[in-house]
Every structure is written in C-alpha cells, then in structure tokens.
Amino acid sequence: MSSRSALRPVPRVGSRRRSTALLATGALLCSGFVAVAVPAATAAPAVAGAPAAYIANSESDNVSVVDTATDTVTSTVAVGDRPSGVAVTPDGGRAYVANRGSGSVSVIDTATGAVTATVAVGDGPFGVAAAPDGDSVYVTNFQSDSVSVIGTATNTVTATVPVGAQPNSVAVAPGGDRFYVSSAAAVSVIDTATQTLIGTVPVSRPNGLTVTPDGARLHVSSQNAGVVTVIDTATRTVTGTVPVGNSPFGAAGSPDGSRVYVTNIGGNSTSVIDTATGTVVDTVGVGSTPIGVAVTPDGGEVYVADSNSGTASVIDTATNTVTATVPVGSGPYAVAFAPALTSSSDIDVDVTARPNLGILVPYLTYTVTARALGPDAVTTGTVTATLPPGATATSLSPGCTTATGTVTCSYGTIATGAAASKTFRVPLHLLSLGTVKVTGTRTASSPTDPNPANDRATATCTVVSILLATCT
C-alpha cells in the first residue's frame, strides 16, 4: 500500500490490523471499530413490497441485507477485503461492492444473494455509483487517482479515467451524461460519452456528493470546512455553502430534491438541509462515527451507517427522528437500496376435452388447468371458459359457476411449479353435431401475471353423432 495515502493501521478485534480510510484533515482519519457479531446466513432476497438496504461492512468483509419493512438483517453476503462502497443497479438486479483492500468489486445477484463476479479495478477502490440506464458502474480508485468504468453486460472494466488525487465518492447526473468525483481538493467532472475529464471545481476536502433530481445542483460535503458546498452544474461554479456539523462526510438527496442529508462523523449526527433555502432545518443524533447515508426510494426513511457502533440508524423523514437502530456488521461504511421487490406469477392455461358417449345422456368433459410457472406462487386466479352458442354446462367442479355461454372457475393458492384443474360437462343432443369448441382465458389473478401469451387455450371436439366424437 502506498505511503502517500497516510493510512495508519488500527487493530481489528481478534484478527489482523486494519485501517478505516476515513478522510480527515489533509489525510485519512483512522478509527478502531466495535466488533458486532453477525450470524452467517445464506443470502436471500428481501420481502416483496419493501426495498432492501445493502450495507457494506468494512471490518467484517461482508454486506448486510436489511428488510426495510421490518428493519432487520435478513442475510449477509461475504465479499472482498474492506468493502467501502456499494451501489445497486436501477433495475435492482445487482449490487456492486467496492473492496478497498482487495482492489476489486464484488457483484452480488440480489435475487439469489450470491456473488456472481469479482472485477479487478484500480488500487484502493472506494466509492461506487451506477449509471441511470444500468449499463455502467463507476468506481473511484483512491490510490490510483482514477475511476474504473465497469460495463455491466460483461462485468469487465471498459475504461479507466484519470481524475484528481485520492478520489473517494462518485455521483452520476440524472441524465447519465456526466459523473462527478470528489478528490483531495476538487470535484472532477467527467463526460460519460467520451470518458474524459472536462472540468474541475475547487472544494475544500470534498467527500460525499449528491446531484439534485433535475441535475442542476451538486451538494458536496466539505470535511475540513464543516460545510456543504453547493455547485451549479451548468457553470461549474460554487454558488454557496451551508454550515453543518463537525467533519461532514456522506451526503444523500431525497427523491423529490427538497432535502439533503449529511453525516457528521465528528458530531455523531446527521444534518437535514432544506435545498430551497440552503439552510439546516434539523440535526438528528445517530450512532458513533456516521459515514454512509442513503434515502429510501419513497423518501420516507434515511439509513445511516454508524461505523463505530456497528449499526444502521433509521431516520423517519417526516419527523426527523431515529425510529430504529439495526445491528449490522463490523464497521458499516456505505448504504444503497434495491427497489422494492414485486411479486409475480405466470399462469399457464390449458384446456383439454374427452367424449363420454354411448350412455343415456352423452356429454363432453372439459378440463381447465391453471399452472403456476412462477417466479412466485399464485394466491388467487380466475379462468373463464367460453362455450359455443347454445351450449350449457353441468357437473361443475367446486369453485366454478356458469352463466349464459360461460363457465367461470376460481382457483386458490397454487405453488410454483404446481397446477390445479377444474372440470365441467357439456351435454350433447341430436342438434349438437359438428364442432364444439371451448376456450379458457385467465381473467384475473394475483400476484401480477407478467406473461399474457399463455393466458388462453382451446379444446375442440368434432361430434359426428351422439355415438361418435373426437377431441383435440
């Protein structure tokens, strides 16, 4: 490790010595972490309907996955050495984790919780951000003075962009045409089309940064100055500063752009900035040495990584109060959210028929089957069968009803990969000669069916006489 980074090792509880790489006055502030026991677990996706928080734990070399509906850790994922940054692709499918001590980025499949790739980048990768279209991920290399651009289609480095000294945080403009990097004494502006540095804005020891949803302003925490610096992105000039707490570090904006949340590592607090007035409207006490911060996609909560407490503080944005403290790994450093999972189940409809002839009242038996193809189980479903003109239905399975020209069958829970069938009869008479066609169509189901292509099926019987019929 290069001496220029001014890293000072500190003991890791029960193991080798570590450094925390917190940016301090002109160098890096080191701090010992409190060890927090995290049970080993097979990673699992979060509960459907709630976003999952991915928290990089720098001292335990893993990522805690938190269900934000219950504010509990549902699983942990082992990654590389000293993970310091994390970002989730816009579709929620993958989390990219910058491993500061490994010179690599771990790629986590959020559906399975498995690390599916490890991408070698520069020396001391620190911050990470995903492009709005999900095609690229940008990783700052603190000791290489560069940014690695990872193509998400192949999980390979497609470009390396030189930037200012000791780059740490990175943020991407909403339009995806620019990304911004905080370094030792300036914010670098990079054109994503050419992957080149197109400008710098001097800022006193910049750390966390966040772009407003309209892309017009950049808020940057200035650790040495104890302020948040506001930059006009069009002119690349500083338009103002907002005094916050002691040693501001992380920064995150609300989805509507009205608030910016800044962690103060020296004051164990989070400052709440009103972006319209450029003033701090509240200061929220959190855990020890807060570093990373992120706002839930709905703007309702803020998660703060309390590095020395081994916890994540959950702030209710309506009241600016801490409503939960979640034990995570050792040395939590960065936070990112995956969008809420949406349940869905593809129902495959099938209709079959068979003749029952040579009896007093001959009939055709139709079977309507609903099969759950997943990914989730069917909780409820309805299939409506359309009968030929003049036909009637008898001997209906439980859950089926008939009206003029139709039979409607309701289905309860169907496990993924399983099927449920309902039957009914269509009586024949001397006037039933010819084609008897029944079409079954899924008319309602829960959860959402993502694939309408297999929602309909038909069975046709050809009746030659009341003693002879064939069905296909």
Protein backbone atom coordinates (compact mmCIF):
# COMPACT_ATOMS: atom_id res chain seq x y z
CA MET A 1 0.00 0.00 0.00
CA SER A 2 1.40 3.40 -0.96
CA SER A 3 2.67 5.67 1.81
CA ARG A 4 1.04 8.65 0.11
CA SER A 5 -2.38 7.53 1.38
CA ALA A 6 -1.32 8.21 5.00
CA LEU A 7 -3.12 5.12 6.22
CA ARG A 8 -2.42 4.22 9.82
CA PRO A 9 -3.31 0.64 10.76
CA VAL A 10 -5.52 0.01 13.76
CA PRO A 11 -6.23 -3.30 15.44
CA ARG A 12 -9.04 -5.41 14.13
CA VAL A 13 -10.70 -7.15 17.04
CA GLY A 14 -9.44 -10.73 17.26
CA SER A 15 -7.61 -10.60 13.94
CA ARG A 16 -5.19 -8.64 11.78
CA ARG A 17 -4.70 -4.92 11.91
CA ARG A 18 -6.84 -2.70 9.70
CA SER A 19 -7.26 0.92 8.60
CA THR A 20 -10.59 2.63 8.12
CA ALA A 21 -9.61 5.19 5.49
CA LEU A 22 -11.90 7.94 6.76
CA LEU A 23 -10.89 11.18 5.10
CA ALA A 24 -9.56 13.66 7.65
CA THR A 25 -7.58 16.87 7.65
CA GLY A 26 -5.30 16.57 4.63
CA ALA A 27 -5.02 12.81 5.13
CA LEU A 28 -7.06 9.87 6.38
CA LEU A 29 -8.63 9.67 9.79
CA CYS A 30 -8.31 6.19 11.33
CA SER A 31 -10.61 4.83 13.97
CA GLY A 32 -11.00 1.49 15.72
CA PHE A 33 -14.27 -0.31 15.16
CA VAL A 34 -16.51 -2.12 17.60
CA ALA A 35 -16.94 -5.73 16.62
CA VAL A 36 -20.57 -6.74 16.12
CA ALA A 37 -21.47 -10.38 15.77
CA VAL A 38 -23.40 -11.12 12.59
CA PRO A 39 -24.69 -14.66 12.13
CA ALA A 40 -23.63 -16.38 8.95
CA ALA A 41 -26.58 -16.85 6.68
CA THR A 42 -27.43 -17.86 3.19
CA ALA A 43 -28.37 -14.65 1.47
CA ALA A 44 -31.99 -14.26 0.47
CA PRO A 45 -33.95 -11.54 -1.27
CA ALA A 46 -35.90 -9.03 0.76
CA VAL A 47 -39.62 -9.32 1.43
CA ALA A 48 -41.70 -8.40 -1.60
CA GLY A 49 -43.07 -4.88 -1.43
CA ALA A 50 -40.22 -3.40 0.64
CA PRO A 51 -36.88 -2.09 -0.63
CA ALA A 52 -33.78 -3.84 0.66
CA ALA A 53 -30.86 -1.92 2.14
CA TYR A 54 -27.38 -3.17 1.26
CA ILE A 55 -24.85 -2.09 3.89
CA ALA A 56 -21.13 -2.63 3.26
CA ASN A 57 -19.33 -3.63 6.49
CA SER A 58 -15.69 -2.62 6.15
CA GLU A 59 -14.36 -4.57 9.13
CA SER A 60 -16.29 -7.83 8.72
CA ASP A 61 -15.78 -8.06 4.95
CA ASN A 62 -19.43 -8.58 4.18
CA VAL A 63 -22.66 -6.89 3.18
CA SER A 64 -25.73 -6.89 5.41
CA VAL A 65 -29.05 -7.14 3.57
CA VAL A 66 -31.76 -5.36 5.56
CA ASP A 67 -35.50 -5.73 5.04
CA THR A 68 -36.67 -2.14 5.41
CA ALA A 69 -40.22 -3.23 6.21
CA THR A 70 -39.06 -4.77 9.48
CA ASP A 71 -35.64 -3.09 9.87
CA THR A 72 -33.96 -6.46 10.34
CA VAL A 73 -30.99 -8.14 8.70
CA THR A 74 -32.26 -10.99 6.55
CA SER A 75 -28.87 -12.21 5.34
CA THR A 76 -25.19 -11.43 4.94
CA VAL A 77 -23.03 -11.78 1.84
CA ALA A 78 -19.27 -12.31 2.09
CA VAL A 79 -17.34 -10.01 -0.27
CA GLY A 80 -13.74 -8.81 -0.59
CA ASP A 81 -11.38 -7.08 1.82
CA ARG A 82 -12.64 -3.86 3.47
CA PRO A 83 -15.77 -3.08 1.44
CA SER A 84 -16.27 0.69 1.45
CA GLY A 85 -18.78 1.46 -1.27
CA VAL A 86 -21.95 -0.10 -2.62
CA ALA A 87 -24.40 0.72 -5.40
CA VAL A 88 -27.40 -1.13 -6.81
CA THR A 89 -28.32 -1.07 -10.50
CA PRO A 90 -31.55 0.78 -11.31
CA ASP A 91 -33.41 -2.46 -12.02
CA GLY A 92 -32.42 -3.76 -8.58
CA GLY A 93 -30.86 -6.88 -10.06
CA ARG A 94 -27.26 -6.46 -8.92
CA ALA A 95 -25.29 -4.77 -6.16
CA TYR A 96 -21.71 -3.66 -6.85
CA VAL A 97 -19.41 -3.51 -3.82
CA ALA A 98 -16.02 -1.73 -3.86
CA ASN A 99 -13.46 -3.70 -1.84
CA ARG A 100 -10.87 -1.17 -0.72
CA GLY A 101 -8.34 -3.74 0.45
CA SER A 102 -8.72 -6.15 -2.47
CA GLY A 103 -8.55 -3.79 -5.42
CA SER A 104 -11.77 -5.34 -6.67
CA VAL A 105 -15.53 -5.01 -6.99
CA SER A 106 -17.85 -7.84 -5.92
CA VAL A 107 -21.03 -8.26 -7.96
CA ILE A 108 -23.99 -9.59 -5.98
CA ASP A 109 -27.07 -11.07 -7.64
CA THR A 110 -29.80 -9.57 -5.44
CA ALA A 111 -32.29 -12.33 -6.31
CA THR A 112 -30.05 -15.14 -5.04
CA GLY A 113 -27.67 -13.26 -2.76
CA ALA A 114 -24.70 -14.89 -4.50
CA VAL A 115 -21.51 -13.14 -5.63
CA THR A 116 -21.53 -13.84 -9.35
CA ALA A 117 -18.40 -11.93 -10.38
CA THR A 118 -15.33 -10.22 -8.97
CA VAL A 119 -13.95 -7.40 -11.10
CA ALA A 120 -10.35 -6.24 -10.71
CA VAL A 121 -10.13 -2.43 -10.70
CA GLY A 122 -7.55 0.12 -9.53
CA ASP A 123 -5.78 0.43 -6.19
CA GLY A 124 -7.96 1.21 -3.18
CA PRO A 125 -11.45 1.29 -4.74
CA PHE A 126 -13.64 3.42 -2.53
CA GLY A 127 -16.88 4.83 -3.95
CA VAL A 128 -19.24 3.31 -6.49
CA ALA A 129 -22.27 4.54 -8.45
CA ALA A 130 -24.44 3.08 -11.21
CA ALA A 131 -25.47 4.87 -14.40
CA PRO A 132 -29.21 5.60 -14.75
CA ASP A 133 -29.51 3.15 -17.66
CA GLY A 134 -27.70 0.44 -15.70
CA ASP A 135 -25.15 -0.14 -18.45
CA SER A 136 -22.16 1.15 -16.50
CA VAL A 137 -20.86 1.32 -12.95
CA TYR A 138 -18.26 3.89 -11.90
CA VAL A 139 -15.68 3.06 -9.20
CA THR A 140 -13.22 5.53 -7.66
CA ASN A 141 -9.69 4.21 -7.08
CA PHE A 142 -8.38 6.17 -4.09
CA GLN A 143 -4.75 5.26 -4.52
CA SER A 144 -4.67 5.14 -8.32
CA ASP A 145 -6.14 8.64 -8.85
CA SER A 146 -8.59 7.20 -11.35
CA VAL A 147 -12.10 5.90 -11.96
CA SER A 148 -12.74 2.43 -13.36
CA VAL A 149 -15.76 2.14 -15.66
CA ILE A 150 -17.35 -1.32 -15.46
CA GLY A 151 -19.63 -2.49 -18.27
CA THR A 152 -22.44 -4.35 -16.52
CA ALA A 153 -23.18 -6.55 -19.54
CA THR A 154 -19.81 -8.28 -19.21
CA ASN A 155 -18.64 -7.14 -15.76
CA THR A 156 -15.33 -6.01 -17.18
CA VAL A 157 -13.51 -2.68 -16.98
CA THR A 158 -14.20 -0.85 -20.24
CA ALA A 159 -12.32 2.37 -19.43
CA THR A 160 -10.05 3.97 -16.83
CA VAL A 161 -10.43 7.71 -16.37
CA PRO A 162 -7.68 9.78 -14.64
CA VAL A 163 -9.13 12.23 -12.10
CA GLY A 164 -7.88 14.30 -9.14
CA ALA A 165 -5.73 12.95 -6.33
CA GLN A 166 -7.28 10.49 -3.87
CA PRO A 167 -10.77 10.20 -5.40
CA ASN A 168 -13.39 8.89 -2.99
CA SER A 169 -17.08 9.45 -3.72
CA VAL A 170 -18.84 9.42 -7.10
CA ALA A 171 -22.29 10.52 -8.26
CA VAL A 172 -23.93 10.33 -11.68
CA ALA A 173 -26.09 13.05 -13.23
CA PRO A 174 -29.76 12.02 -13.67
CA GLY A 175 -29.38 12.19 -17.45
CA GLY A 176 -26.32 9.97 -17.35
CA ASP A 177 -24.21 12.37 -19.43
CA ARG A 178 -21.90 13.36 -16.58
CA PHE A 179 -20.49 11.90 -13.42
CA TYR A 180 -18.81 13.73 -10.58
CA VAL A 181 -15.92 12.61 -8.39
CA SER A 182 -14.74 14.16 -5.13
CA SER A 183 -10.98 14.08 -4.64
CA ALA A 184 -8.39 15.69 -2.36
CA ALA A 185 -9.15 19.33 -3.17
CA ALA A 186 -11.68 19.44 -6.01
CA VAL A 187 -14.66 17.86 -7.68
CA SER A 188 -13.88 16.36 -11.09
CA VAL A 189 -16.47 16.43 -13.90
CA ILE A 190 -16.35 13.57 -16.41
CA ASP A 191 -18.19 13.31 -19.74
CA THR A 192 -19.59 9.78 -19.92
CA ALA A 193 -19.74 9.73 -23.73
CA THR A 194 -16.01 10.32 -24.12
CA GLN A 195 -14.93 9.07 -20.65
CA THR A 196 -12.74 12.14 -20.26
CA LEU A 197 -12.24 14.78 -17.60
CA ILE A 198 -13.89 18.01 -18.79
CA GLY A 199 -13.58 20.22 -15.72
CA THR A 200 -12.81 20.61 -12.03
CA VAL A 201 -14.35 22.68 -9.25
CA PRO A 202 -12.10 23.54 -6.27
CA VAL A 203 -13.67 22.42 -2.97
CA SER A 204 -12.10 22.10 0.47
CA ARG A 205 -11.61 18.36 1.20
CA PRO A 206 -14.77 17.14 -0.60
CA ASN A 207 -16.27 13.82 0.44
CA GLY A 208 -19.84 12.74 -0.19
CA LEU A 209 -21.77 14.27 -3.05
CA THR A 210 -25.30 14.11 -4.42
CA VAL A 211 -26.94 15.57 -7.53
CA THR A 212 -30.44 17.08 -7.41
CA PRO A 213 -33.07 15.20 -9.46
CA ASP A 214 -33.10 17.97 -12.09
CA GLY A 215 -29.32 17.75 -12.41
CA ALA A 216 -28.91 21.49 -11.77
CA ARG A 217 -27.05 21.41 -8.45
CA LEU A 218 -24.42 19.32 -6.76
CA HIS A 219 -24.20 19.21 -2.96
CA VAL A 220 -20.75 18.25 -1.65
CA SER A 221 -19.72 17.71 1.96
CA SER A 222 -16.52 19.64 2.74
CA GLN A 223 -14.96 17.83 5.68
CA ASN A 224 -12.31 20.34 6.71
CA ALA A 225 -14.59 23.36 6.37
CA GLY A 226 -17.59 21.86 8.17
CA VAL A 227 -19.93 22.88 5.37
CA VAL A 228 -21.82 21.54 2.38
CA THR A 229 -20.67 23.22 -0.82
CA VAL A 230 -23.35 23.89 -3.45
CA ILE A 231 -22.19 23.75 -7.09
CA ASP A 232 -24.11 24.95 -10.16
CA THR A 233 -23.54 22.08 -12.60
CA ALA A 234 -24.14 24.22 -15.70
CA THR A 235 -21.47 26.80 -14.87
CA ARG A 236 -19.35 24.53 -12.64
CA THR A 237 -19.10 27.24 -10.03
CA VAL A 238 -19.70 27.28 -6.28
CA THR A 239 -22.91 29.19 -5.55
CA GLY A 240 -22.96 28.84 -1.77
CA THR A 241 -22.09 26.88 1.34
CA VAL A 242 -24.26 25.52 4.13
CA PRO A 243 -22.71 25.17 7.62
CA VAL A 244 -23.39 21.70 9.02
CA GLY A 245 -21.79 19.61 11.77
CA ASN A 246 -18.25 18.59 12.63
CA SER A 247 -16.40 16.75 9.83
CA PRO A 248 -19.25 16.16 7.36
CA PHE A 249 -18.76 13.02 5.31
CA GLY A 250 -21.63 11.28 3.49
CA ALA A 251 -24.35 13.06 1.52
CA ALA A 252 -27.65 11.85 0.05
CA GLY A 253 -30.60 13.67 -1.51
CA SER A 254 -34.31 12.96 -1.22
CA PRO A 255 -36.11 11.69 -4.34
CA ASP A 256 -38.00 14.98 -4.70
CA GLY A 257 -34.86 17.08 -4.28
CA SER A 258 -36.19 19.05 -1.32
CA ARG A 259 -33.74 17.70 1.25
CA VAL A 260 -30.09 16.71 1.52
CA TYR A 261 -28.90 14.54 4.41
CA VAL A 262 -25.28 14.86 5.54
CA THR A 263 -23.49 12.68 8.10
CA ASN A 264 -21.18 14.41 10.56
CA ILE A 265 -18.54 11.95 11.72
CA GLY A 266 -17.25 14.30 14.41
CA GLY A 267 -20.66 15.08 15.86
CA ASN A 268 -22.37 11.69 15.62
CA SER A 269 -25.24 13.37 13.83
CA THR A 270 -26.97 13.86 10.51
CA SER A 271 -27.77 17.35 9.23
CA VAL A 272 -31.00 17.89 7.29
CA ILE A 273 -30.69 20.63 4.65
CA ASP A 274 -33.65 22.37 3.01
CA THR A 275 -32.39 22.77 -0.56
CA ALA A 276 -34.79 25.62 -1.34
CA THR A 277 -33.44 27.85 1.43
CA GLY A 278 -29.96 26.38 1.73
CA THR A 279 -30.26 26.04 5.49
CA VAL A 280 -30.06 23.24 8.03
CA VAL A 281 -33.60 22.64 9.31
CA ASP A 282 -32.75 19.83 11.73
CA THR A 283 -29.88 17.87 13.22
CA VAL A 284 -30.52 14.24 14.13
CA GLY A 285 -28.35 12.37 16.60
CA VAL A 286 -27.30 8.95 15.32
CA GLY A 287 -24.70 6.32 16.21
CA SER A 288 -20.96 6.68 16.57
CA THR A 289 -18.94 7.88 13.56
CA PRO A 290 -21.70 8.02 10.91
CA ILE A 291 -20.31 7.67 7.41
CA GLY A 292 -22.57 6.36 4.62
CA VAL A 293 -26.11 7.63 4.13
CA ALA A 294 -28.93 6.84 1.69
CA VAL A 295 -32.62 7.68 1.32
CA THR A 296 -35.23 5.01 0.60
CA PRO A 297 -36.78 5.17 -2.89
CA ASP A 298 -40.05 6.54 -1.49
CA GLY A 299 -38.24 9.19 0.54
CA GLY A 300 -39.77 8.01 3.79
CA GLU A 301 -36.61 6.91 5.60
CA VAL A 302 -32.90 7.63 5.74
CA TYR A 303 -30.39 4.91 6.61
CA VAL A 304 -27.12 5.99 8.21
CA ALA A 305 -24.12 3.65 8.58
CA ASP A 306 -22.77 4.15 12.12
CA SER A 307 -19.23 2.88 11.64
CA ASN A 308 -18.04 2.65 15.24
CA SER A 309 -21.39 1.42 16.55
CA GLY A 310 -21.78 -1.45 14.11
CA THR A 311 -25.34 -0.29 13.44
CA ALA A 312 -27.54 1.47 10.93
CA SER A 313 -29.68 4.31 12.26
CA VAL A 314 -33.09 4.64 10.58
CA ILE A 315 -34.44 8.19 10.40
CA ASP A 316 -38.11 8.94 9.73
CA THR A 317 -38.03 11.86 7.29
CA ALA A 318 -41.45 13.14 8.37
CA THR A 319 -40.33 13.68 11.97
CA ASN A 320 -36.52 13.65 11.62
CA THR A 321 -36.26 11.18 14.46
CA VAL A 322 -34.46 7.85 14.72
CA THR A 323 -37.13 5.15 14.73
CA ALA A 324 -34.87 2.09 14.67
CA THR A 325 -31.27 1.05 15.19
CA VAL A 326 -30.30 -2.05 13.21
CA PRO A 327 -27.26 -4.13 14.27
CA VAL A 328 -25.27 -4.97 11.16
CA GLY A 329 -21.66 -5.99 10.58
CA SER A 330 -18.46 -4.52 11.94
CA GLY A 331 -17.52 -1.08 10.62
CA PRO A 332 -20.56 -0.33 8.42
CA TYR A 333 -19.42 2.13 5.79
CA ALA A 334 -21.84 2.57 2.90
CA VAL A 335 -25.55 2.11 2.17
CA ALA A 336 -27.55 1.57 -1.03
CA PHE A 337 -31.10 0.48 -1.72
CA ALA A 338 -32.55 -2.07 -4.09
CA PRO A 339 -36.06 -1.21 -5.33
CA ALA A 340 -39.00 -2.96 -3.71
CA LEU A 341 -39.42 -6.49 -4.99
CA THR A 342 -42.59 -7.08 -6.97
CA SER A 343 -44.28 -10.46 -6.75
CA SER A 344 -45.41 -12.05 -9.99
CA SER A 345 -46.62 -15.42 -11.16
CA ASP A 346 -47.04 -16.56 -14.74
CA ILE A 347 -50.21 -18.65 -15.12
CA ASP A 348 -50.25 -21.11 -18.00
CA VAL A 349 -53.83 -22.01 -19.01
CA ASP A 350 -54.58 -25.39 -20.58
CA VAL A 351 -57.91 -26.83 -21.77
CA THR A 352 -58.46 -30.49 -22.64
CA ALA A 353 -61.57 -32.45 -23.56
CA ARG A 354 -62.76 -36.03 -23.81
CA PRO A 355 -66.01 -37.56 -25.10
CA ASN A 356 -68.31 -39.65 -22.92
CA LEU A 357 -70.66 -41.35 -25.37
CA GLY A 358 -72.86 -44.40 -25.63
CA ILE A 359 -74.80 -43.55 -22.49
CA LEU A 360 -78.28 -42.26 -21.82
CA VAL A 361 -77.18 -38.60 -21.90
CA PRO A 362 -73.87 -38.34 -23.78
CA TYR A 363 -71.59 -35.43 -22.93
CA LEU A 364 -68.15 -33.94 -23.41
CA THR A 365 -65.93 -33.38 -20.35
CA TYR A 366 -63.72 -30.28 -20.41
CA THR A 367 -60.81 -29.80 -18.01
CA VAL A 368 -59.45 -26.30 -17.41
CA THR A 369 -56.00 -26.30 -15.81
CA ALA A 370 -54.10 -23.35 -14.31
CA ARG A 371 -50.38 -23.96 -13.85
CA ALA A 372 -48.15 -21.60 -11.82
CA LEU A 373 -44.87 -21.06 -13.67
CA GLY A 374 -43.53 -18.57 -11.11
CA PRO A 375 -41.41 -16.97 -10.02
CA ASP A 376 -43.91 -16.69 -7.15
CA ALA A 377 -46.88 -18.80 -6.15
CA VAL A 378 -50.37 -17.94 -7.36
CA THR A 379 -52.54 -16.72 -4.47
CA THR A 380 -55.78 -16.37 -6.44
CA GLY A 381 -56.75 -16.91 -10.04
CA THR A 382 -59.81 -16.91 -12.28
CA VAL A 383 -60.24 -18.63 -15.65
CA THR A 384 -63.35 -18.10 -17.76
CA ALA A 385 -64.33 -20.71 -20.35
CA THR A 386 -66.36 -19.57 -23.33
CA LEU A 387 -68.88 -22.14 -24.64
CA PRO A 388 -70.21 -22.44 -28.19
CA PRO A 389 -73.61 -20.82 -28.89
CA GLY A 390 -76.49 -22.75 -27.35
CA ALA A 391 -74.29 -24.97 -25.21
CA THR A 392 -74.78 -25.39 -21.46
CA ALA A 393 -72.56 -26.69 -18.69
CA THR A 394 -73.32 -29.17 -15.90
CA SER A 395 -71.46 -31.08 -13.18
CA LEU A 396 -69.16 -28.18 -12.38
CA SER A 397 -66.17 -28.60 -10.04
CA PRO A 398 -66.30 -26.69 -6.74
CA GLY A 399 -65.31 -23.09 -7.35
CA CYS A 400 -66.91 -22.94 -10.80
CA THR A 401 -70.10 -21.15 -11.77
CA THR A 402 -71.96 -20.95 -15.04
CA ALA A 403 -73.84 -18.23 -16.87
CA THR A 404 -75.17 -17.98 -20.38
CA GLY A 405 -72.36 -19.08 -22.65
CA THR A 406 -69.60 -19.20 -20.00
CA VAL A 407 -68.12 -21.16 -17.11
CA THR A 408 -66.02 -19.22 -14.59
CA CYS A 409 -63.66 -21.12 -12.28
CA SER A 410 -61.82 -19.66 -9.30
CA TYR A 411 -58.52 -21.07 -8.07
CA GLY A 412 -56.89 -20.66 -4.68
CA THR A 413 -53.19 -20.91 -3.89
CA ILE A 414 -51.10 -22.76 -6.46
CA ALA A 415 -47.46 -23.36 -5.57
CA THR A 416 -44.79 -22.51 -8.11
CA GLY A 417 -44.46 -25.46 -10.49
CA ALA A 418 -47.81 -26.94 -9.43
CA ALA A 419 -51.17 -26.97 -11.22
CA ALA A 420 -54.86 -27.04 -10.33
CA SER A 421 -57.67 -28.32 -12.55
CA LYS A 422 -61.43 -27.79 -12.74
CA THR A 423 -63.88 -29.78 -14.85
CA PHE A 424 -67.37 -29.41 -16.27
CA ARG A 425 -69.58 -31.24 -18.76
CA VAL A 426 -71.25 -30.07 -21.97
CA PRO A 427 -74.28 -32.35 -22.66
CA LEU A 428 -74.86 -33.49 -26.24
CA HIS A 429 -78.14 -33.95 -28.11
CA LEU A 430 -79.21 -34.58 -31.68
CA LEU A 431 -78.60 -30.94 -32.58
CA SER A 432 -75.02 -30.95 -31.23
CA LEU A 433 -73.47 -32.35 -34.37
CA GLY A 434 -70.40 -30.53 -35.64
CA THR A 435 -67.69 -28.61 -33.81
CA VAL A 436 -67.87 -27.93 -30.07
CA LYS A 437 -65.08 -25.52 -29.14
CA VAL A 438 -64.34 -24.27 -25.61
CA THR A 439 -61.78 -21.52 -24.96
CA GLY A 440 -60.40 -20.88 -21.47
CA THR A 441 -58.90 -17.45 -20.64
CA ARG A 442 -57.24 -16.16 -17.50
CA THR A 443 -59.39 -13.20 -16.50
CA ALA A 444 -57.84 -12.33 -13.11
CA SER A 445 -55.01 -13.44 -10.85
CA SER A 446 -52.78 -12.38 -8.02
CA PRO A 447 -49.91 -11.61 -7.97
CA THR A 448 -49.48 -9.98 -11.36
CA ASP A 449 -49.11 -12.26 -14.36
CA PRO A 450 -46.12 -10.96 -16.36
CA ASN A 451 -46.76 -13.10 -19.44
CA PRO A 452 -50.16 -12.84 -21.19
CA ALA A 453 -49.00 -15.01 -24.10
CA ASN A 454 -50.05 -18.26 -22.37
CA ASP A 455 -53.23 -16.99 -20.74
CA ARG A 456 -55.58 -18.67 -23.25
CA ALA A 457 -56.10 -22.19 -24.58
CA THR A 458 -58.75 -24.01 -26.62
CA ALA A 459 -60.02 -27.58 -26.86
CA THR A 460 -62.18 -28.60 -29.82
CA CYS A 461 -64.36 -31.68 -30.20
CA THR A 462 -65.86 -32.80 -33.51
CA VAL A 463 -69.18 -34.58 -32.96
CA VAL A 464 -70.20 -36.86 -35.84
CA SER A 465 -73.14 -38.36 -33.92
CA ILE A 466 -74.13 -38.81 -30.32
CA LEU A 467 -72.19 -42.07 -30.52
CA LEU A 468 -69.04 -40.75 -32.22
CA ALA A 469 -66.87 -37.76 -31.35
CA THR A 470 -63.17 -36.87 -31.39
CA CYS A 471 -61.43 -34.18 -29.31
CA THR A 472 -58.17 -32.30 -29.78
